[in-house]
Amino acid sequence: MALGGKNSTWKHKLTGNATLTDFSTKTMGVTLNASGETVEATVFGDTYRDYEQSFKNATIDVTYKYDATIYGQIAAIYNAGDTVDFELFPDGDSTGTGTSKPKITGAIFITSFGTPVEIGNLLQMSVTFQVAGALTFTTVS
């Protein structure tokens, strides 16, 4: 049974780094938003309209528990306009103990980020990443 986020792992590269950094202990939520455009494929003689999938698109919304280090790291990616690699393990971790659990990888860049400051609430940082190119859906091996 998957327990919402308990064993999830979220990793991505930082500006100038060749390896992935694990942000799991500072991540409060990750939402993958994948979609596919629709084009009409109806031809003469069809009684019903027909459609096919066209271009695919995806964004990833992440909520980090705020700290100055993460803020600086995200700001550096944003300022540099870098596209960085990511790995998301939504139902298991990357250590191999979640063998055959889903693994999603790809490349992302930041389209927006912000830190709302509100009295009585935990300081968080919201980041929207645009997926650049294809998502890869595999399993942990």
Protein backbone atom coordinates (compact mmCIF):
# COMPACT_ATOMS: atom_id res chain seq x y z
CA MET A 1 0.00 0.00 0.00
CA ALA A 2 1.31 3.42 -0.91
CA LEU A 3 1.12 5.98 1.86
CA GLY A 4 0.94 9.51 0.43
CA GLY A 5 4.51 10.69 0.21
CA LYS A 6 5.94 8.69 3.10
CA ASN A 7 8.58 6.89 1.06
CA SER A 8 8.74 9.21 -1.93
CA THR A 9 12.02 10.53 -3.26
CA TRP A 10 12.55 13.83 -5.18
CA LYS A 11 15.96 14.59 -6.68
CA HIS A 12 17.27 17.13 -9.16
CA LYS A 13 20.56 18.64 -10.19
CA LEU A 14 21.77 22.06 -9.13
CA THR A 15 23.46 24.74 -11.20
CA GLY A 16 26.98 23.57 -11.99
CA ASN A 17 26.54 20.09 -10.43
CA ALA A 18 26.85 16.87 -12.38
CA THR A 19 25.08 14.73 -9.78
CA LEU A 20 21.51 14.70 -8.52
CA THR A 21 20.80 16.20 -5.09
CA ASP A 22 18.20 14.47 -2.91
CA PHE A 23 15.63 17.01 -1.65
CA SER A 24 13.29 14.42 -0.10
CA THR A 25 13.79 15.57 3.49
CA LYS A 26 12.93 19.17 2.52
CA THR A 27 10.08 18.42 0.09
CA MET A 28 6.47 18.68 1.27
CA GLY A 29 4.75 17.85 -2.01
CA VAL A 30 5.38 17.03 -5.67
CA THR A 31 2.66 17.08 -8.33
CA LEU A 32 3.37 15.80 -11.83
CA ASN A 33 0.95 17.38 -14.34
CA ALA A 34 1.21 15.46 -17.63
CA SER A 35 -1.08 16.19 -20.56
CA GLY A 36 -1.44 15.49 -24.26
CA GLU A 37 -2.92 17.81 -26.86
CA THR A 38 -5.78 16.53 -28.96
CA VAL A 39 -6.12 16.89 -32.73
CA GLU A 40 -9.18 16.01 -34.73
CA ALA A 41 -8.79 12.99 -37.03
CA THR A 42 -12.35 12.76 -38.40
CA VAL A 43 -12.50 11.75 -42.05
CA PHE A 44 -15.26 11.73 -44.68
CA GLY A 45 -17.79 9.03 -43.97
CA ASP A 46 -17.26 9.00 -40.16
CA THR A 47 -20.45 9.19 -38.12
CA TYR A 48 -18.64 10.31 -34.97
CA ARG A 49 -15.74 12.67 -34.54
CA ASP A 50 -12.37 10.97 -34.11
CA TYR A 51 -9.37 12.32 -32.21
CA GLU A 52 -5.70 11.49 -31.78
CA GLN A 53 -3.12 12.57 -29.27
CA SER A 54 -0.65 15.15 -30.50
CA PHE A 55 2.09 16.92 -28.56
CA LYS A 56 2.65 16.00 -24.92
CA ASN A 57 3.50 18.43 -22.16
CA ALA A 58 4.28 18.21 -18.46
CA THR A 59 4.96 20.45 -15.51
CA ILE A 60 5.96 19.59 -11.97
CA ASP A 61 4.80 21.63 -8.98
CA VAL A 62 6.98 21.24 -5.89
CA THR A 63 6.53 22.60 -2.38
CA TYR A 64 9.73 22.78 -0.35
CA LYS A 65 9.98 23.42 3.37
CA TYR A 66 11.78 26.76 3.29
CA ASP A 67 15.37 27.23 4.33
CA ALA A 68 17.92 29.74 3.10
CA THR A 69 20.07 27.06 1.44
CA ILE A 70 17.26 25.68 -0.73
CA TYR A 71 16.12 29.22 -1.56
CA GLY A 72 19.64 30.02 -2.82
CA GLN A 73 19.85 26.78 -4.81
CA ILE A 74 16.49 27.33 -6.52
CA ALA A 75 17.27 31.00 -7.20
CA ALA A 76 20.57 29.97 -8.82
CA ILE A 77 18.82 27.50 -11.17
CA TYR A 78 16.22 30.15 -12.04
CA ASN A 79 18.77 32.96 -12.59
CA ALA A 80 20.98 30.78 -14.77
CA GLY A 81 18.01 29.53 -16.81
CA ASP A 82 19.42 26.04 -16.39
CA THR A 83 17.71 22.86 -17.50
CA VAL A 84 18.49 20.19 -14.92
CA ASP A 85 17.81 16.46 -14.70
CA PHE A 86 15.35 15.08 -12.13
CA GLU A 87 14.19 11.78 -10.65
CA LEU A 88 10.87 11.21 -8.91
CA PHE A 89 10.09 8.01 -7.04
CA PRO A 90 6.43 8.53 -5.99
CA ASP A 91 5.97 5.17 -4.25
CA GLY A 92 9.31 4.01 -2.95
CA ASP A 93 12.84 5.22 -2.63
CA SER A 94 15.88 5.24 -4.85
CA THR A 95 17.98 2.94 -2.67
CA GLY A 96 16.66 -0.22 -4.31
CA THR A 97 14.40 -1.17 -1.39
CA GLY A 98 11.44 -0.10 -3.52
CA THR A 99 12.32 -2.47 -6.39
CA SER A 100 9.71 -2.47 -9.19
CA LYS A 101 8.19 0.77 -7.86
CA PRO A 102 7.60 3.66 -10.31
CA LYS A 103 10.47 5.93 -11.33
CA ILE A 104 9.96 9.07 -13.44
CA THR A 105 12.91 10.94 -14.96
CA GLY A 106 13.52 13.81 -17.34
CA ALA A 107 14.85 17.34 -17.62
CA ILE A 108 13.24 20.48 -16.14
CA PHE A 109 13.67 24.22 -15.86
CA ILE A 110 11.98 26.69 -13.51
CA THR A 111 9.08 28.78 -14.79
CA SER A 112 8.13 30.28 -11.43
CA PHE A 113 8.94 30.18 -7.76
CA GLY A 114 7.88 32.10 -4.72
CA THR A 115 7.82 32.20 -0.95
CA PRO A 116 4.56 33.44 0.53
CA VAL A 117 5.10 34.91 3.99
CA GLU A 118 2.04 34.57 6.22
CA ILE A 119 1.59 34.95 9.96
CA GLY A 120 0.93 31.66 11.69
CA ASN A 121 1.95 29.44 8.76
CA LEU A 122 5.07 27.42 8.06
CA LEU A 123 7.33 29.17 5.58
CA GLN A 124 7.29 27.23 2.32
CA MET A 125 8.63 27.70 -1.18
CA SER A 126 6.53 26.82 -4.23
CA VAL A 127 8.31 26.03 -7.49
CA THR A 128 6.88 25.20 -10.91
CA PHE A 129 9.16 23.28 -13.24
CA GLN A 130 8.51 22.89 -16.98
CA VAL A 131 9.53 19.50 -18.35
CA ALA A 132 11.83 19.95 -21.36
CA GLY A 133 11.42 17.00 -23.72
CA ALA A 134 10.11 13.56 -22.84
CA LEU A 135 9.31 12.03 -19.51
CA THR A 136 10.68 8.53 -18.94
CA PHE A 137 8.48 6.14 -16.96
CA THR A 138 10.38 3.12 -15.64
CA THR A 139 10.69 1.19 -12.39
CA VAL A 140 13.34 1.03 -9.71
CA SER A 141 15.65 -1.89 -10.37
